[in-house]
Amino acid sequence: MVREYAAFGKASGVTVSASCPLIALDGPNWEAELEKTEDAIVVVDEGSGFLRTAAFARAVRDSGNYFLLITREYLHQLPYSVTEIYQIVGSKNKRFEPVYSDIYRMYDHPRQTSTDAE
């Protein structure tokens, strides 16, 4: 939907309300696109193969952007805080809720090496 909005604006039928630029990152030129993006919300869908790579993890680490990663997979190569992982809930009026509480933490999963992620 973000990609549709970026390409067609209001004609896409999508409404975007954000206090900073919002971009959808995908395709083979993702690195060049990310390099020229600053202070934006970057949306990456799980269909983007680069999401699981060490190169993407390095790019995220060195970026000044916010990232919305839509995936069902564990991304062991990315540094993240479990208090910053949310799920989308609701059918009509969707909202974000934290996935992990103080009682349920996901700290003991084996770490993936950078060679595994590439």
N, C-alpha and C. Protein backbone atom coordinates (compact mmCIF):
# COMPACT_ATOMS: atom_id res chain seq x y z
N MET A 1 0.82 -1.18 0.00
CA MET A 1 0.00 0.00 0.00
C MET A 1 0.87 1.26 0.00
N VAL A 2 1.96 1.22 0.73
CA VAL A 2 2.87 2.36 0.76
C VAL A 2 3.48 2.57 -0.62
N ARG A 3 3.85 1.50 -1.26
CA ARG A 3 4.41 1.58 -2.61
C ARG A 3 3.38 2.17 -3.58
N GLU A 4 2.13 1.74 -3.47
CA GLU A 4 1.06 2.28 -4.32
C GLU A 4 0.89 3.78 -4.08
N TYR A 5 0.91 4.18 -2.83
CA TYR A 5 0.76 5.60 -2.51
C TYR A 5 1.93 6.41 -3.07
N ALA A 6 3.14 5.88 -2.95
CA ALA A 6 4.32 6.59 -3.48
C ALA A 6 4.23 6.76 -4.99
N ALA A 7 3.70 5.76 -5.66
CA ALA A 7 3.62 5.81 -7.12
C ALA A 7 2.46 6.65 -7.63
N PHE A 8 1.30 6.60 -6.96
CA PHE A 8 0.09 7.22 -7.51
C PHE A 8 -0.55 8.28 -6.62
N GLY A 9 0.00 8.51 -5.43
CA GLY A 9 -0.57 9.52 -4.55
C GLY A 9 -2.00 9.21 -4.17
N LYS A 10 -2.84 10.25 -4.11
CA LYS A 10 -4.24 10.07 -3.71
C LYS A 10 -5.02 9.18 -4.67
N ALA A 11 -4.58 9.12 -5.93
CA ALA A 11 -5.26 8.26 -6.92
C ALA A 11 -5.16 6.78 -6.54
N SER A 12 -4.22 6.42 -5.67
CA SER A 12 -4.07 5.03 -5.24
C SER A 12 -5.20 4.57 -4.34
N GLY A 13 -5.93 5.52 -3.76
CA GLY A 13 -6.98 5.17 -2.81
C GLY A 13 -6.44 4.96 -1.41
N VAL A 14 -5.15 5.15 -1.23
CA VAL A 14 -4.49 4.96 0.08
C VAL A 14 -4.28 6.34 0.70
N THR A 15 -4.51 6.44 1.99
CA THR A 15 -4.24 7.67 2.71
C THR A 15 -3.08 7.42 3.66
N VAL A 16 -2.09 8.29 3.60
CA VAL A 16 -0.93 8.16 4.48
C VAL A 16 -0.84 9.40 5.35
N SER A 17 -0.69 9.19 6.63
CA SER A 17 -0.53 10.29 7.57
C SER A 17 0.72 10.01 8.40
N ALA A 18 1.78 10.75 8.13
CA ALA A 18 3.04 10.56 8.86
C ALA A 18 3.74 11.90 8.98
N SER A 19 4.51 12.05 10.05
CA SER A 19 5.21 13.31 10.27
C SER A 19 6.57 13.35 9.59
N CYS A 20 6.94 12.27 8.89
CA CYS A 20 8.18 12.23 8.13
C CYS A 20 7.93 11.39 6.88
N PRO A 21 8.85 11.42 5.92
CA PRO A 21 8.65 10.63 4.69
C PRO A 21 8.47 9.14 5.00
N LEU A 22 7.65 8.49 4.20
CA LEU A 22 7.37 7.07 4.34
C LEU A 22 7.66 6.42 2.99
N ILE A 23 8.57 5.44 2.98
CA ILE A 23 8.91 4.78 1.72
C ILE A 23 8.82 3.27 1.86
N ALA A 24 8.52 2.60 0.75
CA ALA A 24 8.55 1.14 0.70
C ALA A 24 9.86 0.76 0.03
N LEU A 25 10.63 -0.08 0.69
CA LEU A 25 11.93 -0.49 0.18
C LEU A 25 11.82 -1.91 -0.36
N ASP A 26 12.16 -2.08 -1.64
CA ASP A 26 12.15 -3.42 -2.22
C ASP A 26 12.95 -3.40 -3.51
N GLY A 27 13.11 -4.56 -4.10
CA GLY A 27 13.79 -4.66 -5.38
C GLY A 27 15.30 -4.72 -5.29
N PRO A 28 15.94 -4.90 -6.43
CA PRO A 28 17.39 -5.10 -6.46
C PRO A 28 18.19 -3.84 -6.13
N ASN A 29 17.58 -2.66 -6.22
CA ASN A 29 18.29 -1.41 -5.93
C ASN A 29 18.03 -0.89 -4.53
N TRP A 30 17.68 -1.77 -3.60
CA TRP A 30 17.33 -1.34 -2.26
C TRP A 30 18.45 -0.59 -1.57
N GLU A 31 19.71 -1.01 -1.79
CA GLU A 31 20.83 -0.36 -1.11
C GLU A 31 20.97 1.10 -1.56
N ALA A 32 20.90 1.36 -2.85
CA ALA A 32 21.02 2.73 -3.36
C ALA A 32 19.85 3.58 -2.86
N GLU A 33 18.66 3.00 -2.84
CA GLU A 33 17.48 3.73 -2.36
C GLU A 33 17.63 4.08 -0.87
N LEU A 34 18.11 3.13 -0.09
CA LEU A 34 18.28 3.37 1.34
C LEU A 34 19.38 4.39 1.62
N GLU A 35 20.45 4.36 0.85
CA GLU A 35 21.55 5.32 1.03
C GLU A 35 21.09 6.76 0.85
N LYS A 36 20.14 7.01 -0.02
CA LYS A 36 19.70 8.38 -0.26
C LYS A 36 18.49 8.77 0.60
N THR A 37 18.09 7.90 1.52
CA THR A 37 16.94 8.16 2.38
C THR A 37 17.41 8.49 3.79
N GLU A 38 16.92 9.60 4.34
CA GLU A 38 17.26 9.99 5.71
C GLU A 38 16.02 10.42 6.47
N ASP A 39 16.01 10.13 7.77
CA ASP A 39 14.92 10.54 8.65
C ASP A 39 13.56 10.16 8.11
N ALA A 40 13.43 8.94 7.63
CA ALA A 40 12.17 8.45 7.05
C ALA A 40 11.74 7.17 7.75
N ILE A 41 10.51 6.80 7.53
CA ILE A 41 10.01 5.49 7.95
C ILE A 41 10.14 4.59 6.74
N VAL A 42 10.92 3.53 6.88
CA VAL A 42 11.20 2.62 5.77
C VAL A 42 10.43 1.32 6.02
N VAL A 43 9.54 0.98 5.09
CA VAL A 43 8.72 -0.22 5.21
C VAL A 43 9.31 -1.30 4.33
N VAL A 44 9.55 -2.49 4.92
CA VAL A 44 10.08 -3.62 4.16
C VAL A 44 9.18 -4.81 4.41
N ASP A 45 8.67 -5.40 3.34
CA ASP A 45 7.79 -6.56 3.43
C ASP A 45 8.61 -7.84 3.40
N GLU A 46 8.07 -8.89 3.98
CA GLU A 46 8.79 -10.16 4.08
C GLU A 46 9.12 -10.78 2.73
N GLY A 47 8.50 -10.36 1.66
CA GLY A 47 8.80 -10.88 0.34
C GLY A 47 10.12 -10.37 -0.22
N SER A 48 10.71 -9.38 0.41
CA SER A 48 11.99 -8.83 -0.03
C SER A 48 13.11 -9.73 0.45
N GLY A 49 13.79 -10.40 -0.47
CA GLY A 49 14.83 -11.36 -0.12
C GLY A 49 15.97 -10.78 0.68
N PHE A 50 16.27 -9.52 0.50
CA PHE A 50 17.39 -8.90 1.21
C PHE A 50 17.13 -8.73 2.70
N LEU A 51 15.88 -8.87 3.14
CA LEU A 51 15.51 -8.67 4.54
C LEU A 51 16.31 -9.56 5.48
N ARG A 52 16.68 -10.75 5.02
CA ARG A 52 17.38 -11.71 5.88
C ARG A 52 18.89 -11.70 5.70
N THR A 53 19.45 -10.72 5.01
CA THR A 53 20.88 -10.72 4.73
C THR A 53 21.68 -9.88 5.72
N ALA A 54 22.95 -10.23 5.82
CA ALA A 54 23.86 -9.45 6.66
C ALA A 54 24.05 -8.05 6.09
N ALA A 55 24.00 -7.91 4.77
CA ALA A 55 24.14 -6.58 4.14
C ALA A 55 23.00 -5.66 4.58
N PHE A 56 21.79 -6.19 4.66
CA PHE A 56 20.66 -5.38 5.13
C PHE A 56 20.84 -5.02 6.60
N ALA A 57 21.28 -5.97 7.41
CA ALA A 57 21.51 -5.70 8.83
C ALA A 57 22.52 -4.56 9.01
N ARG A 58 23.60 -4.58 8.23
CA ARG A 58 24.60 -3.50 8.30
C ARG A 58 23.99 -2.17 7.87
N ALA A 59 23.19 -2.20 6.82
CA ALA A 59 22.56 -0.97 6.32
C ALA A 59 21.60 -0.38 7.36
N VAL A 60 20.86 -1.23 8.05
CA VAL A 60 19.95 -0.76 9.10
C VAL A 60 20.75 -0.15 10.25
N ARG A 61 21.80 -0.84 10.64
CA ARG A 61 22.64 -0.36 11.75
C ARG A 61 23.22 1.03 11.45
N ASP A 62 23.62 1.27 10.21
CA ASP A 62 24.27 2.52 9.84
C ASP A 62 23.29 3.59 9.38
N SER A 63 22.00 3.30 9.44
CA SER A 63 20.98 4.22 8.91
C SER A 63 20.42 5.12 10.01
N GLY A 64 19.97 6.29 9.60
CA GLY A 64 19.29 7.21 10.52
C GLY A 64 17.79 7.18 10.33
N ASN A 65 17.26 6.07 9.83
CA ASN A 65 15.84 5.92 9.55
C ASN A 65 15.16 5.07 10.60
N TYR A 66 13.84 5.08 10.57
CA TYR A 66 13.02 4.16 11.36
C TYR A 66 12.60 3.05 10.40
N PHE A 67 12.48 1.82 10.91
CA PHE A 67 12.16 0.69 10.04
C PHE A 67 10.92 -0.03 10.54
N LEU A 68 10.01 -0.30 9.61
CA LEU A 68 8.85 -1.13 9.85
C LEU A 68 9.06 -2.39 9.01
N LEU A 69 9.43 -3.48 9.67
CA LEU A 69 9.73 -4.75 8.99
C LEU A 69 8.54 -5.67 9.18
N ILE A 70 7.91 -6.03 8.10
CA ILE A 70 6.73 -6.87 8.15
C ILE A 70 7.17 -8.29 7.79
N THR A 71 7.23 -9.16 8.80
CA THR A 71 7.73 -10.51 8.59
C THR A 71 7.22 -11.44 9.68
N ARG A 72 7.22 -12.72 9.36
CA ARG A 72 6.88 -13.75 10.35
C ARG A 72 8.13 -14.47 10.83
N GLU A 73 9.28 -14.11 10.27
CA GLU A 73 10.53 -14.79 10.57
C GLU A 73 11.29 -14.08 11.68
N TYR A 74 12.13 -14.85 12.38
CA TYR A 74 13.08 -14.25 13.32
C TYR A 74 14.22 -13.67 12.50
N LEU A 75 14.59 -12.47 12.78
CA LEU A 75 15.69 -11.82 12.06
C LEU A 75 16.88 -11.71 13.01
N HIS A 76 17.54 -12.83 13.21
CA HIS A 76 18.62 -12.90 14.19
C HIS A 76 19.78 -11.97 13.88
N GLN A 77 19.98 -11.62 12.62
CA GLN A 77 21.10 -10.77 12.25
C GLN A 77 20.85 -9.30 12.57
N LEU A 78 19.61 -8.94 12.88
CA LEU A 78 19.29 -7.54 13.18
C LEU A 78 19.27 -7.30 14.68
N PRO A 79 19.90 -6.22 15.11
CA PRO A 79 19.79 -5.87 16.53
C PRO A 79 18.43 -5.23 16.77
N TYR A 80 17.69 -5.75 17.72
CA TYR A 80 16.40 -5.14 18.04
C TYR A 80 16.08 -5.42 19.49
N SER A 81 15.16 -4.65 20.01
CA SER A 81 14.72 -4.82 21.38
C SER A 81 13.35 -5.50 21.35
N VAL A 82 13.15 -6.47 22.20
CA VAL A 82 11.86 -7.16 22.22
C VAL A 82 10.75 -6.23 22.65
N THR A 83 11.07 -5.13 23.29
CA THR A 83 10.03 -4.18 23.69
C THR A 83 9.60 -3.30 22.52
N GLU A 84 10.22 -3.47 21.37
CA GLU A 84 9.88 -2.67 20.20
C GLU A 84 9.30 -3.51 19.08
N ILE A 85 8.82 -4.71 19.39
CA ILE A 85 8.19 -5.58 18.40
C ILE A 85 6.69 -5.56 18.67
N TYR A 86 5.92 -5.25 17.63
CA TYR A 86 4.48 -5.12 17.77
C TYR A 86 3.76 -6.05 16.80
N GLN A 87 2.52 -6.37 17.15
CA GLN A 87 1.66 -7.11 16.24
C GLN A 87 0.47 -6.23 15.90
N ILE A 88 -0.10 -6.45 14.73
CA ILE A 88 -1.28 -5.72 14.31
C ILE A 88 -2.48 -6.53 14.75
N VAL A 89 -3.38 -5.93 15.53
CA VAL A 89 -4.57 -6.63 16.02
C VAL A 89 -5.82 -5.86 15.62
N GLY A 90 -6.92 -6.59 15.58
CA GLY A 90 -8.20 -5.99 15.23
C GLY A 90 -8.55 -6.28 13.78
N SER A 91 -9.83 -6.27 13.49
CA SER A 91 -10.25 -6.54 12.12
C SER A 91 -10.62 -5.25 11.39
N LYS A 92 -11.47 -4.44 11.98
CA LYS A 92 -11.88 -3.20 11.32
C LYS A 92 -10.98 -2.03 11.73
N ASN A 93 -10.85 -1.82 13.02
CA ASN A 93 -10.00 -0.75 13.55
C ASN A 93 -8.70 -1.35 14.06
N LYS A 94 -7.72 -1.44 13.19
CA LYS A 94 -6.46 -2.08 13.53
C LYS A 94 -5.64 -1.20 14.45
N ARG A 95 -4.86 -1.85 15.32
CA ARG A 95 -3.97 -1.13 16.23
C ARG A 95 -2.74 -1.99 16.47
N PHE A 96 -1.69 -1.37 16.96
CA PHE A 96 -0.45 -2.08 17.27
C PHE A 96 -0.40 -2.38 18.76
N GLU A 97 -0.03 -3.61 19.10
CA GLU A 97 0.16 -3.99 20.50
C GLU A 97 1.52 -4.66 20.64
N PRO A 98 2.22 -4.40 21.74
CA PRO A 98 3.51 -5.06 21.96
C PRO A 98 3.34 -6.58 21.98
N VAL A 99 4.30 -7.28 21.40
CA VAL A 99 4.23 -8.73 21.33
C VAL A 99 4.72 -9.36 22.63
N TYR A 100 5.74 -8.79 23.22
CA TYR A 100 6.36 -9.38 24.39
C TYR A 100 6.11 -8.54 25.63
N SER A 101 5.85 -9.21 26.74
CA SER A 101 5.68 -8.53 28.02
C SER A 101 6.86 -8.91 28.92
N ASP A 102 6.86 -8.41 30.14
CA ASP A 102 7.93 -8.75 31.07
C ASP A 102 7.94 -10.24 31.41
N ILE A 103 6.80 -10.88 31.26
CA ILE A 103 6.71 -12.30 31.61
C ILE A 103 7.23 -13.18 30.48
N TYR A 104 6.96 -12.81 29.23
CA TYR A 104 7.31 -13.65 28.08
C TYR A 104 8.40 -12.97 27.27
N ARG A 105 9.61 -13.47 27.35
CA ARG A 105 10.74 -12.90 26.60
C ARG A 105 11.35 -13.95 25.69
N MET A 106 11.94 -13.52 24.60
CA MET A 106 12.50 -14.42 23.60
C MET A 106 14.02 -14.26 23.56
N TYR A 107 14.70 -14.45 24.66
CA TYR A 107 16.13 -14.21 24.71
C TYR A 107 16.97 -15.43 24.37
N ASP A 108 16.44 -16.62 24.45
CA ASP A 108 17.27 -17.81 24.37
C ASP A 108 17.32 -18.46 22.99
N HIS A 109 16.91 -17.77 21.95
CA HIS A 109 17.00 -18.34 20.61
C HIS A 109 18.45 -18.30 20.14
N PRO A 110 18.90 -19.34 19.43
CA PRO A 110 20.30 -19.35 18.96
C PRO A 110 20.52 -18.21 17.97
N ARG A 111 21.67 -17.60 18.05
CA ARG A 111 22.01 -16.48 17.16
C ARG A 111 22.49 -17.03 15.83
N GLN A 112 22.12 -16.39 14.77
CA GLN A 112 22.55 -16.77 13.44
C GLN A 112 23.84 -16.02 13.12
N THR A 113 24.81 -16.68 12.53
CA THR A 113 26.05 -16.00 12.19
C THR A 113 25.86 -15.20 10.92
N SER A 114 26.74 -14.24 10.68
CA SER A 114 26.60 -13.38 9.50
C SER A 114 26.74 -14.20 8.22
N THR A 115 27.52 -15.27 8.22
CA THR A 115 27.65 -16.07 7.00
C THR A 115 26.35 -16.83 6.73
N ASP A 116 25.61 -17.22 7.78
CA ASP A 116 24.32 -17.89 7.59
C ASP A 116 23.30 -16.95 6.97
N ALA A 117 23.39 -15.66 7.32
CA ALA A 117 22.39 -14.69 6.87
C ALA A 117 22.64 -14.23 5.44
N GLU A 118 23.82 -14.42 4.93
CA GLU A 118 24.10 -13.95 3.56
C GLU A 118 23.73 -15.01 2.62
